[in-house]
Amino acid sequence: MSGPLWTIGAVADAMRAARSGTLPEIATGLSIDSRTIAPGEAYFAIKGDVHDGHDFVEAALKNGGGVAVIDEQHRDRFSGDLPLLIVPDVLAGLVDLARASRARLQAKIIAVTGSVGKTSTKEALRCVLQDQGETHASAASFNNHWGVPLSLARCPASAKFAIFEIGMNHAGEIEPLVKMVRPHIAIVTTVEPVHLEFFSGIEAIADAKAEIFTGVEPDGTAILNIDNSQFARLRDKAKAAGISRIVSFGAADKADARLIDVALQPADSAVHADILGQHVAYKIGVPGRHIAVNSLAVLAAASLAGADLALSALALTRFKPASGRGVRQILEVESGTATLIDESYNANPASMAAALNVLGQAELGARGRRIAVLGDMLELGAAGGELHRGLGKAIEVNRIDAVFCCGPLMRYLWEALPSAKKGGYADTSAALEPQVISAIGPGDAIMVKGSLGSRMKLIVTALEKRFPSKAPLDDLTV
């Protein structure tokens, strides 16, 4: 990024904000967290589900923030000499700034949604594009009503490529966000039975994902998974939204970005593909067929955005999983080592099956076992019990030796497991933790996964503390 992110004058004008105190000339960045704010950043006092950002304005400024954006209702709480921008509503002000950011961009913009693989696809796009021009991408999983405008407002005017993740768990949430981002390319990774608590069925989920097409720029492109059951429905929705170019990806013979072959290894995948008529062979630094399939969409999008295809494919060798999404660690256990696969960030039936497939490919020691540690998958509605029980097939196919379960929904799976595969059960992850720790032995591969509400990260942290590792496994392999 060349130059400051924003001048304070431009920020104030975009939000039509009143000014108070002695204001700096520039904002080096934007923050909503007083604990991590960097020097010179503008702090937005957003009201969240748990905390009101106005309670942390003074801490943010004390920690180096250059200016705070507050609402009119809280103005009297603060000294008149503090550097403040005052708006009727802070989140609405951030949205206004995001729209101003979009108006000044010359970048090729890619938006990513889907039931599974949004964040990994966004990060893979960042990986392949960052060497070919200034690239901006959403941080972490900033894909909701505040994460998208914050990510867009953070985009430097000088960016050549910009990638935004857009999520939802209710109908109507994607449309206002994508109309703010106005992408040139929209990717839908897949549509799967997630958030069923809020939808009548998978077709309704597809319709909600299809909202992404409403914001695509004229002459833009939709990239869709041809192997998915909802492909035709999404294609028709894209056409109805006025998108004339639809690019398909997947293993089907008719795919525009086609998977010809994939060799799945314990720590990576080797892929041969046809991307928009060009044959490419490349290695991805993350294992899993689902990752290989989504890499087709990544390379198609990069090529359509003007990036060099060969360089993009080569860059995927460096791609590594994000925290809680497949990161591997070496655990130093008694008489040897074990491998921990951290999939604790979140879970739904499709991502759970994919993670079990990865565990099935994991390399074991001489007497090692494949151990799955699973917490509840949430927001599945009335189908929850059956969808949990249905994981038994993936456990059998992938030769999982022992399964540890926690939570009331995972009890459906636990009761359906053959006795030989039952490792342990508890109501909560905290209660399951000692059972898992006592079961780990040399040569084992352990995969931990569940929805955020299942708190499976507690077990990952406990394993890391009990069996300290020297380095991530990815750093030890070539």
Protein backbone atom coordinates (compact mmCIF):
# COMPACT_ATOMS: atom_id res chain seq x y z
CA MET A 1 0.00 0.00 0.00
CA SER A 2 1.37 3.38 -0.99
CA GLY A 3 0.42 6.34 1.19
CA PRO A 4 -2.13 6.49 4.00
CA LEU A 5 -5.29 4.39 3.86
CA TRP A 6 -7.55 7.43 4.34
CA THR A 7 -7.30 11.11 5.08
CA ILE A 8 -9.47 12.01 8.04
CA GLY A 9 -11.20 14.59 5.88
CA ALA A 10 -12.23 11.89 3.40
CA VAL A 11 -13.49 9.65 6.21
CA ALA A 12 -15.54 12.48 7.72
CA ASP A 13 -16.97 13.47 4.35
CA ALA A 14 -17.93 9.91 3.42
CA MET A 15 -19.81 9.47 6.71
CA ARG A 16 -21.10 13.06 6.89
CA ALA A 17 -19.60 13.11 10.38
CA ALA A 18 -19.33 15.97 12.84
CA ARG A 19 -15.80 16.60 14.13
CA SER A 20 -14.56 17.13 17.67
CA GLY A 21 -11.16 17.69 19.22
CA THR A 22 -7.84 17.92 17.41
CA LEU A 23 -7.96 15.41 14.61
CA PRO A 24 -4.99 13.79 12.87
CA GLU A 25 -4.58 14.29 9.15
CA ILE A 26 -4.66 10.62 8.22
CA ALA A 27 -5.91 7.23 9.35
CA THR A 28 -3.32 4.49 8.92
CA GLY A 29 -6.01 1.82 9.19
CA LEU A 30 -9.41 0.96 10.66
CA SER A 31 -10.10 -1.03 13.82
CA ILE A 32 -13.02 -2.27 15.90
CA ASP A 33 -10.86 -3.76 18.67
CA SER A 34 -9.25 -1.51 21.27
CA ARG A 35 -6.88 -4.32 22.30
CA THR A 36 -5.23 -4.76 18.90
CA ILE A 37 -5.53 -1.26 17.46
CA ALA A 38 -2.35 -0.06 15.74
CA PRO A 39 -0.90 3.46 16.00
CA GLY A 40 -2.83 5.99 13.96
CA GLU A 41 -5.81 3.76 13.20
CA ALA A 42 -9.41 4.99 13.37
CA TYR A 43 -11.47 3.14 15.98
CA PHE A 44 -15.11 2.41 15.16
CA ALA A 45 -17.21 2.00 18.33
CA ILE A 46 -19.56 -0.65 16.94
CA LYS A 47 -22.20 -2.14 19.21
CA GLY A 48 -21.94 -5.94 19.10
CA ASP A 49 -24.02 -8.76 20.53
CA VAL A 50 -22.05 -8.74 23.78
CA HIS A 51 -20.12 -5.45 24.04
CA ASP A 52 -20.72 -1.84 23.06
CA GLY A 53 -17.61 -0.36 21.44
CA HIS A 54 -18.30 2.98 23.13
CA ASP A 55 -17.14 1.38 26.38
CA PHE A 56 -13.64 1.04 24.90
CA VAL A 57 -13.17 4.38 23.11
CA GLU A 58 -10.79 5.81 25.67
CA ALA A 59 -8.79 2.57 25.78
CA ALA A 60 -8.53 2.57 22.00
CA LEU A 61 -7.19 6.13 21.94
CA LYS A 62 -4.83 5.40 24.81
CA ASN A 63 -3.50 2.36 22.93
CA GLY A 64 -2.54 4.46 19.92
CA GLY A 65 -5.74 5.07 18.00
CA GLY A 66 -5.71 8.37 16.15
CA VAL A 67 -9.44 9.05 16.16
CA ALA A 68 -12.63 7.35 17.35
CA VAL A 69 -15.93 7.16 15.48
CA ILE A 70 -18.86 7.35 17.92
CA ASP A 71 -22.61 7.88 17.68
CA GLU A 72 -24.51 11.01 18.68
CA GLN A 73 -26.21 9.22 21.57
CA HIS A 74 -22.88 8.73 23.37
CA ARG A 75 -21.33 12.13 22.60
CA ASP A 76 -21.79 13.51 26.12
CA ARG A 77 -19.80 10.64 27.65
CA PHE A 78 -16.51 11.91 26.27
CA SER A 79 -14.29 14.94 26.84
CA GLY A 80 -14.48 17.62 24.16
CA ASP A 81 -10.74 17.47 23.55
CA LEU A 82 -10.75 13.82 22.41
CA PRO A 83 -10.33 13.30 18.63
CA LEU A 84 -13.79 12.14 17.59
CA LEU A 85 -15.93 11.75 14.49
CA ILE A 86 -19.61 11.74 15.41
CA VAL A 87 -22.29 10.02 13.33
CA PRO A 88 -25.93 9.03 13.92
CA ASP A 89 -25.01 5.31 13.84
CA VAL A 90 -21.48 3.89 13.81
CA LEU A 91 -22.20 0.77 11.73
CA ALA A 92 -24.12 2.84 9.18
CA GLY A 93 -21.15 5.22 9.06
CA LEU A 94 -18.82 2.30 8.39
CA VAL A 95 -21.10 1.17 5.55
CA ASP A 96 -20.95 4.67 4.07
CA LEU A 97 -17.15 4.58 4.24
CA ALA A 98 -17.16 1.15 2.59
CA ARG A 99 -19.22 2.50 -0.30
CA ALA A 100 -16.79 5.39 -0.66
CA SER A 101 -13.95 2.88 -0.71
CA ARG A 102 -15.62 0.88 -3.47
CA ALA A 103 -16.19 4.04 -5.51
CA ARG A 104 -12.46 4.83 -5.59
CA LEU A 105 -11.22 1.31 -6.40
CA GLN A 106 -9.77 0.29 -9.74
CA ALA A 107 -9.09 -3.26 -8.55
CA LYS A 108 -10.48 -6.48 -9.98
CA ILE A 109 -12.87 -7.60 -7.26
CA ILE A 110 -13.76 -11.19 -6.41
CA ALA A 111 -16.51 -12.20 -3.97
CA VAL A 112 -16.70 -15.69 -2.47
CA THR A 113 -19.65 -17.43 -0.84
CA GLY A 114 -20.75 -21.03 -0.33
CA SER A 115 -21.77 -23.48 2.38
CA VAL A 116 -18.25 -24.83 2.75
CA GLY A 117 -14.80 -23.55 1.80
CA LYS A 118 -15.36 -19.79 1.72
CA THR A 119 -12.41 -18.84 3.88
CA SER A 120 -9.95 -21.36 2.40
CA THR A 121 -10.92 -20.29 -1.13
CA LYS A 122 -10.50 -16.62 -0.20
CA GLU A 123 -7.10 -17.34 1.32
CA ALA A 124 -6.02 -19.39 -1.70
CA LEU A 125 -6.95 -16.45 -3.93
CA ARG A 126 -4.85 -14.17 -1.73
CA CYS A 127 -1.97 -16.65 -2.03
CA VAL A 128 -2.03 -16.81 -5.84
CA LEU A 129 -2.65 -13.10 -6.49
CA GLN A 130 -0.39 -11.37 -3.99
CA ASP A 131 2.77 -11.89 -6.08
CA GLN A 132 1.09 -10.48 -9.18
CA GLY A 133 -0.04 -7.15 -7.81
CA GLU A 134 -1.14 -5.43 -4.61
CA THR A 135 -3.80 -7.69 -3.14
CA HIS A 136 -6.32 -7.02 -0.39
CA ALA A 137 -8.51 -9.71 1.20
CA SER A 138 -10.93 -9.97 4.09
CA ALA A 139 -9.25 -10.75 7.40
CA ALA A 140 -10.13 -14.05 9.08
CA SER A 141 -13.83 -14.80 8.43
CA PHE A 142 -15.00 -11.18 8.30
CA ASN A 143 -18.01 -12.05 6.16
CA ASN A 144 -21.07 -10.63 7.92
CA HIS A 145 -22.94 -7.33 8.27
CA TRP A 146 -19.97 -5.61 9.92
CA GLY A 147 -17.10 -7.74 8.59
CA VAL A 148 -17.78 -7.04 4.92
CA PRO A 149 -18.02 -3.23 5.21
CA LEU A 150 -14.95 -3.18 7.47
CA SER A 151 -12.99 -5.27 4.96
CA LEU A 152 -14.11 -3.09 2.06
CA ALA A 153 -13.34 0.16 3.89
CA ARG A 154 -9.86 -1.22 4.67
CA CYS A 155 -9.08 -1.80 1.00
CA PRO A 156 -6.31 0.53 -0.25
CA ALA A 157 -7.17 2.63 -3.28
CA SER A 158 -3.97 1.31 -4.89
CA ALA A 159 -5.03 -2.38 -4.77
CA LYS A 160 -4.89 -4.34 -8.03
CA PHE A 161 -6.92 -7.28 -6.68
CA ALA A 162 -9.47 -7.41 -3.86
CA ILE A 163 -11.14 -10.53 -2.45
CA PHE A 164 -14.14 -10.50 -0.14
CA GLU A 165 -15.80 -13.39 1.69
CA ILE A 166 -19.57 -13.07 2.07
CA GLY A 167 -21.51 -15.33 4.42
CA MET A 168 -25.03 -15.80 5.70
CA ASN A 169 -27.24 -17.96 7.86
CA HIS A 170 -30.55 -16.35 6.90
CA ALA A 171 -32.10 -15.35 3.58
CA GLY A 172 -31.63 -11.72 2.63
CA GLU A 173 -28.23 -11.27 4.28
CA ILE A 174 -25.98 -11.58 1.22
CA GLU A 175 -27.75 -9.14 -1.11
CA PRO A 176 -27.00 -5.87 0.74
CA LEU A 177 -23.39 -6.95 1.27
CA VAL A 178 -22.69 -7.90 -2.34
CA LYS A 179 -24.32 -4.71 -3.60
CA MET A 180 -21.79 -2.88 -1.45
CA VAL A 181 -18.84 -4.91 -2.80
CA ARG A 182 -19.99 -4.98 -6.47
CA PRO A 183 -17.62 -7.76 -7.57
CA HIS A 184 -16.51 -8.48 -11.10
CA ILE A 185 -16.32 -12.19 -10.28
CA ALA A 186 -18.57 -14.14 -7.89
CA ILE A 187 -17.68 -17.66 -6.70
CA VAL A 188 -20.14 -20.06 -5.07
CA THR A 189 -18.00 -22.93 -3.76
CA THR A 190 -20.89 -25.30 -3.05
CA VAL A 191 -24.37 -25.50 -1.55
CA GLU A 192 -24.86 -28.01 1.26
CA PRO A 193 -27.42 -28.70 4.02
CA VAL A 194 -26.17 -26.17 6.59
CA HIS A 195 -28.15 -23.67 8.68
CA LEU A 196 -31.16 -25.94 8.10
CA GLU A 197 -32.68 -24.54 11.27
CA PHE A 198 -33.38 -21.36 9.29
CA PHE A 199 -34.27 -22.82 5.86
CA SER A 200 -36.97 -25.09 4.43
CA GLY A 201 -34.40 -27.15 2.50
CA ILE A 202 -31.29 -27.10 0.35
CA GLU A 203 -33.07 -25.30 -2.50
CA ALA A 204 -33.82 -22.39 -0.16
CA ILE A 205 -30.16 -22.33 0.85
CA ALA A 206 -29.19 -22.18 -2.84
CA ASP A 207 -31.56 -19.27 -3.38
CA ALA A 208 -29.98 -17.40 -0.48
CA LYS A 209 -26.47 -18.04 -1.86
CA ALA A 210 -27.69 -16.88 -5.28
CA GLU A 211 -28.20 -13.41 -3.83
CA ILE A 212 -24.51 -12.90 -4.57
CA PHE A 213 -25.38 -12.53 -8.26
CA THR A 214 -27.47 -9.41 -7.61
CA GLY A 215 -24.38 -7.29 -7.02
CA VAL A 216 -22.11 -8.52 -9.82
CA GLU A 217 -20.88 -5.74 -12.09
CA PRO A 218 -22.06 -5.59 -15.73
CA ASP A 219 -20.08 -8.05 -17.89
CA GLY A 220 -19.12 -9.90 -14.71
CA THR A 221 -18.72 -13.66 -14.22
CA ALA A 222 -20.23 -16.29 -11.94
CA ILE A 223 -18.07 -19.32 -11.08
CA LEU A 224 -20.15 -22.33 -10.01
CA ASN A 225 -19.52 -25.91 -8.89
CA ILE A 226 -20.90 -28.14 -11.66
CA ASP A 227 -20.69 -31.24 -9.44
CA ASN A 228 -23.06 -29.75 -6.88
CA SER A 229 -26.74 -30.73 -6.86
CA GLN A 230 -27.76 -27.06 -6.99
CA PHE A 231 -25.66 -26.11 -10.03
CA ALA A 232 -28.57 -25.75 -12.45
CA ARG A 233 -30.57 -23.70 -9.96
CA LEU A 234 -27.63 -21.37 -9.33
CA ARG A 235 -26.88 -21.09 -13.06
CA ASP A 236 -30.47 -20.07 -13.77
CA LYS A 237 -30.41 -17.54 -10.93
CA ALA A 238 -27.18 -16.06 -12.29
CA LYS A 239 -28.68 -15.73 -15.77
CA ALA A 240 -31.82 -14.14 -14.34
CA ALA A 241 -29.60 -11.59 -12.59
CA GLY A 242 -28.14 -10.62 -15.96
CA ILE A 243 -24.82 -12.47 -15.74
CA SER A 244 -23.94 -13.64 -19.22
CA ARG A 245 -20.68 -15.48 -18.47
CA ILE A 246 -20.98 -18.51 -16.23
CA VAL A 247 -17.86 -20.59 -15.61
CA SER A 248 -18.26 -24.09 -14.18
CA PHE A 249 -15.67 -25.98 -12.16
CA GLY A 250 -15.45 -29.57 -10.95
CA ALA A 251 -14.74 -33.11 -12.10
CA ALA A 252 -17.53 -33.30 -14.69
CA ASP A 253 -16.38 -33.59 -18.30
CA LYS A 254 -18.23 -30.40 -19.26
CA ALA A 255 -16.58 -28.25 -16.58
CA ASP A 256 -14.81 -25.12 -17.83
CA ALA A 257 -12.26 -25.58 -15.05
CA ARG A 258 -11.97 -29.37 -14.91
CA LEU A 259 -10.24 -31.68 -12.48
CA ILE A 260 -8.46 -34.25 -14.63
CA ASP A 261 -6.63 -36.05 -11.83
CA VAL A 262 -5.67 -35.56 -8.20
CA ALA A 263 -3.17 -37.51 -6.10
CA LEU A 264 -3.99 -37.05 -2.42
CA GLN A 265 -0.99 -37.15 -0.10
CA PRO A 266 -0.92 -36.96 3.71
CA ALA A 267 0.14 -33.29 3.73
CA ASP A 268 -0.58 -31.99 0.22
CA SER A 269 -2.29 -32.75 -3.09
CA ALA A 270 -0.97 -33.00 -6.66
CA VAL A 271 -3.46 -31.80 -9.27
CA HIS A 272 -3.76 -32.03 -13.04
CA ALA A 273 -6.46 -29.73 -14.39
CA ASP A 274 -7.80 -27.96 -17.45
CA ILE A 275 -8.44 -24.32 -16.58
CA LEU A 276 -10.41 -22.51 -19.28
CA GLY A 277 -8.72 -24.56 -22.00
CA GLN A 278 -5.20 -24.58 -20.56
CA HIS A 279 -3.70 -27.70 -19.01
CA VAL A 280 -1.84 -27.12 -15.74
CA ALA A 281 -0.19 -29.43 -13.21
CA TYR A 282 0.41 -28.12 -9.72
CA LYS A 283 0.76 -29.03 -6.06
CA ILE A 284 -1.39 -27.59 -3.25
CA GLY A 285 0.20 -27.28 0.18
CA VAL A 286 -2.97 -28.62 1.84
CA PRO A 287 -4.42 -32.16 1.57
CA GLY A 288 -7.98 -33.01 0.58
CA ARG A 289 -10.04 -33.52 -2.55
CA HIS A 290 -12.36 -30.67 -1.56
CA ILE A 291 -9.38 -28.30 -1.51
CA ALA A 292 -8.28 -29.56 -4.93
CA VAL A 293 -11.76 -28.99 -6.38
CA ASN A 294 -11.98 -25.45 -4.99
CA SER A 295 -8.52 -24.69 -6.39
CA LEU A 296 -10.11 -24.95 -9.84
CA ALA A 297 -12.37 -22.01 -9.00
CA VAL A 298 -9.39 -20.13 -7.58
CA LEU A 299 -7.33 -20.51 -10.75
CA ALA A 300 -10.27 -19.71 -13.00
CA ALA A 301 -10.99 -16.54 -11.02
CA ALA A 302 -7.34 -15.51 -11.02
CA SER A 303 -7.11 -15.99 -14.78
CA LEU A 304 -10.32 -14.02 -15.38
CA ALA A 305 -8.98 -11.24 -13.14
CA GLY A 306 -5.94 -10.89 -15.39
CA ALA A 307 -3.38 -12.89 -13.43
CA ASP A 308 -0.90 -15.26 -15.06
CA LEU A 309 -2.27 -18.81 -14.80
CA ALA A 310 1.09 -20.58 -14.57
CA LEU A 311 2.32 -18.31 -11.78
CA SER A 312 -1.00 -18.68 -9.98
CA ALA A 313 -0.81 -22.47 -10.09
CA LEU A 314 2.79 -22.44 -8.90
CA ALA A 315 1.86 -20.25 -5.92
CA LEU A 316 -0.59 -22.85 -4.60
CA THR A 317 2.38 -24.89 -3.40
CA ARG A 318 2.79 -22.26 -0.65
CA PHE A 319 -0.86 -22.30 0.38
CA LYS A 320 -1.37 -23.30 4.01
CA PRO A 321 -4.58 -23.76 6.02
CA ALA A 322 -5.91 -21.03 8.28
CA SER A 323 -6.12 -21.53 12.04
CA GLY A 324 -8.62 -24.20 12.99
CA ARG A 325 -9.07 -25.31 9.40
CA GLY A 326 -6.65 -28.21 9.04
CA VAL A 327 -3.45 -26.90 10.63
CA ARG A 328 -1.23 -29.84 11.62
CA GLN A 329 0.99 -30.12 14.66
CA ILE A 330 3.52 -32.71 15.80
CA LEU A 331 2.67 -33.86 19.32
CA GLU A 332 5.56 -35.16 21.42
CA VAL A 333 4.01 -38.19 23.14
CA GLU A 334 5.63 -40.90 25.19
CA SER A 335 7.89 -43.11 23.04
CA GLY A 336 7.34 -41.09 19.87
CA THR A 337 5.16 -38.53 18.13
CA ALA A 338 1.56 -38.16 16.98
CA THR A 339 -0.08 -35.84 14.45
CA LEU A 340 -2.81 -33.39 15.46
CA ILE A 341 -5.11 -32.03 12.72
CA ASP A 342 -6.92 -28.96 14.05
CA GLU A 343 -10.29 -28.58 12.30
CA SER A 344 -11.91 -26.98 15.34
CA TYR A 345 -13.01 -23.68 13.77
CA ASN A 346 -16.48 -24.83 12.66
CA ALA A 347 -18.40 -27.76 11.22
CA ASN A 348 -21.33 -28.84 9.09
CA PRO A 349 -22.08 -32.22 7.47
CA ALA A 350 -20.13 -31.46 4.28
CA SER A 351 -17.04 -30.07 6.00
CA MET A 352 -17.13 -32.87 8.57
CA ALA A 353 -17.11 -35.49 5.81
CA ALA A 354 -14.25 -33.67 4.08
CA ALA A 355 -12.23 -33.56 7.32
CA LEU A 356 -12.79 -37.28 7.88
CA ASN A 357 -11.53 -37.88 4.33
CA VAL A 358 -8.37 -35.94 5.18
CA LEU A 359 -7.93 -38.00 8.34
CA GLY A 360 -8.32 -41.10 6.20
CA GLN A 361 -5.31 -39.99 4.15
CA ALA A 362 -3.17 -39.15 7.20
CA GLU A 363 0.14 -40.95 7.57
CA LEU A 364 0.41 -43.18 10.64
CA GLY A 365 3.28 -44.56 12.65
CA ALA A 366 3.98 -48.28 13.00
CA ARG A 367 1.14 -48.91 15.48
CA GLY A 368 -0.74 -45.67 15.02
CA ARG A 369 -4.49 -45.18 14.83
CA ARG A 370 -6.76 -42.67 13.13
CA ILE A 371 -8.71 -40.93 15.89
CA ALA A 372 -11.64 -38.57 15.29
CA VAL A 373 -12.69 -36.22 18.10
CA LEU A 374 -16.06 -34.77 17.15
CA GLY A 375 -18.38 -32.16 18.63
CA ASP A 376 -21.93 -31.22 17.70
CA MET A 377 -22.72 -29.64 14.33
CA LEU A 378 -25.22 -26.88 15.11
CA GLU A 379 -28.08 -25.08 13.29
CA LEU A 380 -29.28 -28.25 11.55
CA GLY A 381 -32.85 -28.13 12.80
CA ALA A 382 -34.99 -31.27 12.90
CA ALA A 383 -32.53 -33.13 10.65
CA GLY A 384 -29.69 -32.76 13.16
CA GLY A 385 -29.87 -36.21 14.69
CA GLU A 386 -29.99 -38.06 11.40
CA LEU A 387 -27.19 -35.94 9.89
CA HIS A 388 -24.95 -36.77 12.86
CA ARG A 389 -25.78 -40.45 12.65
CA GLY A 390 -25.02 -40.33 8.93
CA LEU A 391 -21.35 -39.56 9.61
CA GLY A 392 -20.87 -43.25 10.31
CA LYS A 393 -20.44 -43.98 6.61
CA ALA A 394 -17.51 -41.54 6.26
CA ILE A 395 -15.96 -42.98 9.41
CA GLU A 396 -16.13 -46.48 7.97
CA VAL A 397 -14.91 -45.55 4.47
CA ASN A 398 -11.93 -43.63 5.85
CA ARG A 399 -10.85 -46.40 8.21
CA ILE A 400 -11.19 -44.33 11.37
CA ASP A 401 -10.08 -46.51 14.27
CA ALA A 402 -11.53 -44.65 17.25
CA VAL A 403 -14.16 -41.93 17.61
CA PHE A 404 -14.60 -39.63 20.61
CA CYS A 405 -17.87 -37.67 20.71
CA CYS A 406 -19.28 -34.85 22.80
CA GLY A 407 -22.63 -33.09 22.83
CA PRO A 408 -26.27 -34.20 22.64
CA LEU A 409 -26.33 -34.34 18.84
CA MET A 410 -23.13 -36.37 18.56
CA ARG A 411 -24.78 -38.91 20.83
CA TYR A 412 -26.78 -40.02 17.76
CA LEU A 413 -23.51 -40.94 16.07
CA TRP A 414 -22.03 -42.44 19.22
CA GLU A 415 -24.94 -44.83 19.69
CA ALA A 416 -24.74 -45.92 16.04
CA LEU A 417 -21.00 -46.67 16.07
CA PRO A 418 -19.69 -50.23 16.23
CA SER A 419 -18.36 -50.93 19.72
CA ALA A 420 -14.85 -51.42 18.35
CA LYS A 421 -14.75 -47.79 17.18
CA LYS A 422 -16.10 -46.21 20.37
CA GLY A 423 -13.32 -44.22 22.00
CA GLY A 424 -15.30 -42.16 24.49
CA TYR A 425 -18.31 -39.90 24.99
CA ALA A 426 -19.06 -36.88 27.19
CA ASP A 427 -21.70 -34.17 27.33
CA THR A 428 -19.16 -31.37 26.75
CA SER A 429 -15.74 -30.88 25.21
CA ALA A 430 -14.29 -30.04 28.64
CA ALA A 431 -15.53 -33.35 30.01
CA LEU A 432 -14.24 -35.26 26.98
CA GLU A 433 -10.77 -33.70 27.18
CA PRO A 434 -9.17 -36.12 29.72
CA GLN A 435 -10.48 -39.15 27.81
CA VAL A 436 -8.83 -37.95 24.61
CA ILE A 437 -5.53 -37.07 26.31
CA SER A 438 -5.27 -40.50 27.90
CA ALA A 439 -5.91 -42.25 24.59
CA ILE A 440 -3.15 -40.65 22.47
CA GLY A 441 -0.21 -42.86 21.58
CA PRO A 442 2.82 -42.79 19.26
CA GLY A 443 2.03 -42.94 15.56
CA ASP A 444 -1.56 -41.74 15.99
CA ALA A 445 -3.28 -39.11 13.81
CA ILE A 446 -5.95 -37.14 15.70
CA MET A 447 -8.50 -34.87 14.01
CA VAL A 448 -10.63 -32.52 16.14
CA LYS A 449 -13.74 -30.89 14.68
CA GLY A 450 -17.09 -29.39 15.68
CA SER A 451 -19.16 -26.24 15.42
CA LEU A 452 -17.88 -23.18 17.26
CA GLY A 453 -20.54 -23.62 19.92
CA SER A 454 -19.16 -27.09 20.66
CA ARG A 455 -15.91 -25.48 21.89
CA MET A 456 -13.64 -28.13 20.40
CA LYS A 457 -10.72 -25.72 20.48
CA LEU A 458 -10.50 -26.52 24.19
CA ILE A 459 -9.41 -30.05 23.32
CA VAL A 460 -6.90 -28.83 20.73
CA THR A 461 -5.37 -26.46 23.29
CA ALA A 462 -5.24 -29.20 25.91
CA LEU A 463 -3.44 -31.56 23.54
CA GLU A 464 -0.93 -28.86 22.60
CA LYS A 465 -0.21 -28.17 26.28
CA ARG A 466 0.00 -31.80 27.32
CA PHE A 467 2.15 -32.84 24.35
CA PRO A 468 4.13 -29.71 23.34
CA SER A 469 5.19 -29.73 19.70
CA LYS A 470 8.44 -28.44 18.28
CA ALA A 471 6.86 -26.99 15.14
CA PRO A 472 3.77 -27.19 12.94
CA LEU A 473 3.87 -30.32 10.82
CA ASP A 474 3.62 -28.18 7.70
CA ASP A 475 6.99 -26.63 8.60
CA LEU A 476 8.59 -30.07 8.83
CA THR A 477 7.48 -31.39 5.45
CA VAL A 478 8.37 -30.42 1.91
